[in-house]
Protein backbone atom coordinates (compact mmCIF):
# COMPACT_ATOMS: atom_id res chain seq x y z
CA MET A 1 14.49 -15.44 -1.94
CA LYS A 2 12.84 -12.11 -1.18
CA LYS A 3 9.51 -12.17 0.67
CA ILE A 4 7.06 -9.78 -0.99
CA LEU A 5 3.54 -8.91 0.16
CA ILE A 6 1.37 -7.26 -2.50
CA ILE A 7 -1.72 -5.42 -1.26
CA LEU A 8 -4.43 -4.45 -3.75
CA GLY A 9 -6.33 -1.56 -2.22
CA HIS A 10 -8.87 -0.90 -4.99
CA PRO A 11 -12.43 -1.63 -3.81
CA VAL A 12 -13.65 -2.46 -7.34
CA LYS A 13 -13.01 -5.67 -9.27
CA ASP A 14 -11.59 -5.69 -12.83
CA THR A 15 -9.68 -2.41 -12.82
CA PHE A 16 -6.37 -1.21 -14.20
CA SER A 17 -5.04 -1.43 -10.63
CA GLY A 18 -5.86 -5.13 -10.78
CA LEU A 19 -3.82 -5.50 -13.98
CA LEU A 20 -0.91 -3.68 -12.34
CA PHE A 21 -1.22 -6.05 -9.37
CA GLU A 22 -1.03 -9.09 -11.69
CA ASN A 23 1.95 -7.69 -13.60
CA TYR A 24 3.94 -6.88 -10.46
CA ARG A 25 3.16 -10.33 -9.04
CA ASN A 26 4.13 -12.08 -12.29
CA GLY A 27 7.42 -10.17 -12.46
CA ALA A 28 8.31 -10.93 -8.85
CA LEU A 29 7.47 -14.62 -9.24
CA ALA A 30 9.57 -14.80 -12.42
CA ALA A 31 12.49 -13.32 -10.47
CA GLY A 32 12.18 -16.02 -7.80
CA ALA A 33 10.50 -14.02 -5.04
CA GLU A 34 8.16 -15.63 -2.55
CA VAL A 35 4.93 -13.67 -3.02
CA LYS A 36 1.86 -13.43 -0.82
CA GLU A 37 -1.09 -11.17 -1.45
CA LEU A 38 -3.96 -9.34 0.18
CA ILE A 39 -6.91 -8.21 -1.90
CA LEU A 40 -8.69 -5.83 0.44
CA ARG A 41 -12.10 -5.97 -1.28
CA GLU A 42 -12.20 -9.73 -0.55
CA MET A 43 -11.39 -9.34 3.13
CA LYS A 44 -14.04 -9.20 5.83
CA PHE A 45 -13.49 -6.53 8.47
CA ASP A 46 -15.16 -3.46 9.93
CA LEU A 47 -13.72 -0.36 8.25
CA ASN A 48 -14.75 1.79 11.19
CA PHE A 49 -12.09 2.14 13.89
CA SER A 50 -14.93 2.59 16.36
CA GLU A 51 -12.91 2.31 19.57
CA GLY A 52 -9.96 4.38 18.37
CA TYR A 53 -6.81 4.02 20.42
CA ARG A 54 -8.86 4.13 23.64
CA GLY A 55 -10.62 0.84 23.17
CA ASN A 56 -9.90 -2.76 22.45
CA GLN A 57 -11.64 -3.46 19.14
CA GLU A 58 -11.07 -7.12 18.36
CA LEU A 59 -9.25 -7.90 15.13
CA GLU A 60 -11.18 -10.00 12.65
CA PRO A 61 -9.38 -13.13 11.33
CA ASP A 62 -8.59 -11.40 8.01
CA LEU A 63 -6.84 -8.55 9.85
CA GLN A 64 -4.95 -11.02 12.04
CA LYS A 65 -3.75 -12.73 8.85
CA ALA A 66 -2.80 -9.32 7.39
CA GLN A 67 -0.63 -8.55 10.42
CA GLU A 68 1.05 -11.95 10.09
CA LEU A 69 1.81 -11.28 6.42
CA ILE A 70 3.13 -7.77 7.13
CA THR A 71 5.41 -9.24 9.79
CA TRP A 72 6.55 -11.94 7.34
CA ALA A 73 7.26 -9.54 4.45
CA GLU A 74 10.58 -7.94 3.59
CA HIS A 75 9.01 -5.75 0.90
CA ILE A 76 5.43 -4.46 0.80
CA VAL A 77 3.78 -3.29 -2.42
CA LEU A 78 0.56 -1.28 -2.19
CA ILE A 79 -1.43 -0.77 -5.39
CA TYR A 80 -4.42 1.56 -5.28
CA PRO A 81 -6.14 4.51 -6.98
CA ASN A 82 -5.81 8.10 -5.89
CA TRP A 83 -9.30 9.27 -4.92
CA TRP A 84 -9.92 12.77 -3.61
CA SER A 85 -6.12 13.32 -3.50
CA THR A 86 -5.52 10.41 -1.12
CA PHE A 87 -6.73 6.78 -1.16
CA PRO A 88 -10.02 4.86 -0.99
CA ALA A 89 -11.83 4.45 2.33
CA LEU A 90 -11.25 0.69 2.11
CA LEU A 91 -7.48 1.20 2.26
CA LYS A 92 -7.74 3.86 4.98
CA GLY A 93 -9.92 1.56 7.08
CA PHE A 94 -7.44 -1.27 6.58
CA ILE A 95 -4.56 0.94 7.73
CA ASP A 96 -6.53 2.24 10.75
CA ARG A 97 -7.45 -1.27 11.86
CA THR A 98 -4.14 -3.03 11.09
CA PHE A 99 -1.25 -0.60 11.75
CA LEU A 100 -1.97 -0.46 15.47
CA PRO A 101 0.11 0.55 18.49
CA GLY A 102 1.99 -2.49 19.70
CA PHE A 103 2.12 -3.89 16.18
CA ALA A 104 3.30 -1.10 13.84
CA PHE A 105 4.55 1.43 16.39
CA LYS A 106 4.68 2.02 20.13
CA TYR A 107 4.41 5.32 21.93
CA ARG A 108 7.02 5.89 24.61
CA LYS A 109 5.61 6.62 28.04
CA GLY A 110 5.91 10.29 28.98
CA SER A 111 7.46 11.19 25.61
CA LEU A 112 6.42 12.60 22.26
CA LEU A 113 8.65 10.02 20.59
CA TRP A 114 7.69 6.52 19.48
CA ASP A 115 9.30 3.23 18.53
CA LYS A 116 9.01 2.10 14.92
CA LEU A 117 8.11 -1.58 15.02
CA LEU A 118 8.13 -2.39 11.28
CA THR A 119 11.76 -1.58 10.52
CA GLY A 120 13.70 -3.84 8.17
CA ARG A 121 11.07 -3.62 5.44
CA SER A 122 10.88 -1.57 2.25
CA ALA A 123 7.82 -0.56 0.26
CA ARG A 124 6.65 0.39 -3.20
CA LEU A 125 3.49 2.41 -3.81
CA ILE A 126 1.90 2.03 -7.25
CA ILE A 127 -0.82 4.65 -7.49
CA THR A 128 -3.19 5.31 -10.38
CA MET A 129 -4.86 8.66 -10.91
CA ASP A 130 -6.90 10.61 -13.41
CA THR A 131 -5.18 13.86 -12.44
CA PRO A 132 -1.94 14.47 -14.36
CA PRO A 133 0.89 13.61 -11.93
CA TRP A 134 2.63 16.94 -12.57
CA TYR A 135 -0.57 18.81 -11.56
CA TYR A 136 -1.00 16.62 -8.46
CA TRP A 137 2.56 17.51 -7.43
CA LEU A 138 2.57 21.19 -8.40
CA VAL A 139 -0.91 22.25 -7.27
CA TYR A 140 -1.86 19.79 -4.52
CA ARG A 141 1.67 18.95 -3.28
CA ARG A 142 0.98 15.17 -3.33
CA PRO A 143 -1.04 14.89 -0.07
CA GLY A 144 -1.96 11.21 -0.50
CA HIS A 145 1.58 10.22 -1.44
CA ASN A 146 2.97 12.10 1.56
CA ALA A 147 0.37 10.64 3.93
CA MET A 148 1.07 7.05 2.90
CA LYS A 149 4.85 7.40 2.64
CA ARG A 150 5.71 9.67 5.56
CA GLY A 151 2.67 9.67 7.80
CA ILE A 152 2.05 5.92 7.77
CA LEU A 153 4.82 3.68 6.41
CA GLU A 154 7.91 5.65 7.46
CA PHE A 155 6.23 6.49 10.77
CA CYS A 156 6.20 2.72 11.41
CA GLY A 157 9.83 2.24 10.26
CA ILE A 158 9.28 1.02 6.69
CA ARG A 159 11.90 2.52 4.38
CA PRO A 160 12.79 3.21 1.74
CA VAL A 161 9.33 3.84 0.34
CA ARG A 162 9.40 4.32 -3.42
CA ILE A 163 6.46 5.68 -5.40
CA THR A 164 5.32 4.93 -8.94
CA THR A 165 2.56 7.28 -10.10
CA ILE A 166 0.45 6.18 -13.06
CA GLY A 167 -1.63 8.85 -14.77
CA SER A 168 -3.51 10.49 -16.22
CA LEU A 169 -5.35 7.22 -16.59
CA LYS A 170 -8.66 8.50 -17.96
CA VAL A 171 -7.11 10.01 -21.09
CA SER A 172 -4.41 7.40 -21.64
CA SER A 173 -4.05 5.43 -24.84
CA GLU A 174 -3.86 1.65 -25.00
CA SER A 175 -0.16 1.89 -25.89
CA LYS A 176 0.50 4.09 -22.84
CA ARG A 177 -1.30 1.59 -20.62
CA GLN A 178 0.83 -1.20 -22.04
CA GLN A 179 3.95 0.85 -21.23
CA TRP A 180 2.79 1.22 -17.62
CA LEU A 181 2.05 -2.51 -17.36
CA SER A 182 5.53 -3.30 -18.73
CA LYS A 183 7.11 -0.87 -16.28
CA VAL A 184 5.36 -2.53 -13.33
CA LEU A 185 6.30 -6.00 -14.60
CA LYS A 186 9.93 -4.84 -14.64
CA LEU A 187 9.61 -3.45 -11.09
CA GLY A 188 8.35 -6.86 -10.00
CA LYS A 189 11.30 -8.59 -11.67
CA GLN A 190 13.64 -6.20 -9.89
CA MET A 191 11.75 -6.87 -6.63
CA ARG A 192 11.67 -3.13 -5.98
């Protein structure tokens, strides 16, 4: 049985990201996966990483639970919208506060290198956007995708990281949305 953690990083309730979350979860459960979830908008924590890496900002209980679930998971699915070419502040604050040195990575003393502490896990990013995906790739060079995949998850040892881009959402038809929901249900059934 595969252990899957699904993280919904949309700060608004009742969104298409929420439907994608439900479809992935339903597919994974139907395939026999053990599924746990984090809905960031329901968690209570300070988004501001006020101490940075210099201080000792105490983790709230919800962030302690998040670290336990990340440690437990074999596969992590992050579902969120692309805002301003990256991701919402809620998700960024969650990453800043949770993926900490000593948990997600560890700098080596006197070296530019680091140890990746979250190896042995894979990830899937499911990202909605209003920008056409081809334009986001061609013109902007996918900065949010690159930041999450390379700068965060792979930096901590999570790989492979696969990306499913859903867009342009704002001009999509109901039939196109149903296709996307079916695709994500299938990804859940494949536990990928």
